[in-house]
Amino acid sequence: DRVGYLFSSSYLADVLREQGRWDEAEELYTGALCIRERLDPGSGGVAVALNNLGNVAYRRGDLATAAVRYRRAVEIKRLQAPDSPALARSLLQGGGGGRYGFAKFSSIHGFVLL
């Protein structure tokens, strides 16, 4: 079944990513993204798949691609739960452990996209 495949392939892709096997991990994450987009476009699962692909691009050093993927994931999270702590963390951290955040916090305006 597709849901079982998604979980299994995502877990395997996580392992491959940690082993530095970027091409194999990316292939599995891309397959998971395609299925998730067909089954439930704009869902949290799509955001997770995009985030995983962003992580692969980031680990490869492709910051431009990582930023595109992270931003798409953030936009989905924003539409689903604009006030969630998870969205706040994603905005502040972006990729790269906080070095490439997509927002800053303003006590007057709340989160402001960079």
Protein backbone atom coordinates (compact mmCIF):
# COMPACT_ATOMS: atom_id res chain seq x y z
CA ASP A 1 0.00 0.00 0.00
CA ARG A 2 1.13 3.57 -0.69
CA VAL A 3 1.18 4.74 2.92
CA GLY A 4 3.38 1.83 3.97
CA TYR A 5 5.68 2.54 1.04
CA LEU A 6 5.92 6.20 2.07
CA PHE A 7 6.99 5.38 5.60
CA SER A 8 9.43 2.65 4.58
CA SER A 9 11.01 4.67 1.80
CA SER A 10 11.30 7.77 3.99
CA TYR A 11 13.04 5.83 6.75
CA LEU A 12 15.42 4.23 4.25
CA ALA A 13 16.07 7.65 2.69
CA ASP A 14 16.89 9.04 6.16
CA VAL A 15 19.52 6.33 6.63
CA LEU A 16 20.96 6.88 3.16
CA ARG A 17 21.13 10.64 3.79
CA GLU A 18 23.04 10.09 7.04
CA GLN A 19 25.45 7.81 5.16
CA GLY A 20 26.10 10.57 2.64
CA ARG A 21 24.41 8.64 -0.18
CA TRP A 22 22.70 11.79 -1.46
CA ASP A 23 21.54 10.55 -4.87
CA GLU A 24 19.82 7.49 -3.45
CA ALA A 25 18.22 9.46 -0.62
CA GLU A 26 17.04 12.16 -3.02
CA GLU A 27 15.47 9.58 -5.32
CA LEU A 28 13.44 8.07 -2.48
CA TYR A 29 12.43 11.46 -1.06
CA THR A 30 11.38 12.64 -4.52
CA GLY A 31 9.24 9.53 -4.98
CA ALA A 32 7.62 10.13 -1.60
CA LEU A 33 6.97 13.76 -2.51
CA CYS A 34 5.27 12.77 -5.78
CA ILE A 35 2.97 10.33 -4.00
CA ARG A 36 2.16 12.79 -1.22
CA GLU A 37 1.39 15.56 -3.71
CA ARG A 38 -1.01 13.25 -5.57
CA LEU A 39 -2.72 11.93 -2.44
CA ASP A 40 -2.93 15.13 -0.40
CA PRO A 41 -1.52 18.27 -2.04
CA GLY A 42 -0.62 21.03 0.36
CA SER A 43 -0.52 18.67 3.33
CA GLY A 44 1.92 18.44 6.19
CA GLY A 45 3.30 15.32 4.53
CA VAL A 46 4.22 17.34 1.46
CA ALA A 47 5.96 19.87 3.73
CA VAL A 48 7.92 17.06 5.41
CA ALA A 49 8.99 15.64 2.05
CA LEU A 50 10.10 19.08 0.86
CA ASN A 51 12.01 19.62 4.09
CA ASN A 52 13.76 16.26 3.63
CA LEU A 53 14.75 17.20 0.09
CA GLY A 54 15.96 20.54 1.39
CA ASN A 55 18.12 18.72 3.93
CA VAL A 56 19.73 16.66 1.18
CA ALA A 57 20.44 19.76 -0.90
CA TYR A 58 21.83 21.54 2.16
CA ARG A 59 24.13 18.64 3.06
CA ARG A 60 25.40 18.63 -0.53
CA GLY A 61 26.20 22.32 -0.25
CA ASP A 62 23.49 23.36 -2.74
CA LEU A 63 22.10 26.19 -0.63
CA ALA A 64 20.01 27.72 -3.41
CA THR A 65 18.06 24.49 -3.96
CA ALA A 66 17.79 23.91 -0.22
CA ALA A 67 16.31 27.38 0.26
CA VAL A 68 13.69 26.81 -2.47
CA ARG A 69 12.61 23.54 -0.90
CA TYR A 70 12.59 24.91 2.66
CA ARG A 71 10.56 27.95 1.56
CA ARG A 72 7.92 25.76 -0.09
CA ALA A 73 7.69 23.69 3.09
CA VAL A 74 7.36 26.84 5.19
CA GLU A 75 4.58 28.18 2.95
CA ILE A 76 2.59 24.97 3.41
CA LYS A 77 3.10 25.10 7.19
CA ARG A 78 2.02 28.75 7.21
CA LEU A 79 -1.23 27.94 5.42
CA GLN A 80 -2.01 25.03 7.74
CA ALA A 81 -1.13 26.56 11.10
CA PRO A 82 0.04 30.17 10.94
CA ASP A 83 0.57 30.47 14.70
CA SER A 84 2.24 27.13 15.35
CA PRO A 85 5.55 26.84 17.22
CA ALA A 86 6.78 24.46 14.51
CA LEU A 87 6.31 27.17 11.89
CA ALA A 88 8.13 29.67 14.09
CA ARG A 89 11.09 27.29 14.42
CA SER A 90 11.15 26.65 10.68
CA LEU A 91 11.10 30.36 9.93
CA LEU A 92 13.84 31.21 12.37
CA GLN A 93 16.11 28.30 11.55
CA GLY A 94 15.63 27.84 7.85
CA GLY A 95 18.30 25.44 6.75
CA GLY A 96 21.72 25.20 8.26
CA GLY A 97 21.09 25.30 11.96
CA GLY A 98 19.85 28.86 12.06
CA ARG A 99 22.45 30.45 9.78
CA TYR A 100 19.99 30.87 6.91
CA GLY A 101 16.76 31.79 8.67
CA PHE A 102 13.83 32.99 6.63
CA ALA A 103 12.48 35.37 9.25
CA LYS A 104 13.31 37.46 12.22
CA PHE A 105 11.12 38.23 15.21
CA SER A 106 9.91 41.76 15.76
CA SER A 107 8.10 42.62 18.97
CA ILE A 108 5.96 45.02 16.94
CA HIS A 109 5.21 42.98 13.83
CA GLY A 110 5.67 39.37 14.99
CA PHE A 111 7.59 37.27 12.46
CA VAL A 112 8.85 39.16 9.43
CA LEU A 113 10.01 37.21 6.39
CA LEU A 114 13.51 38.00 5.16
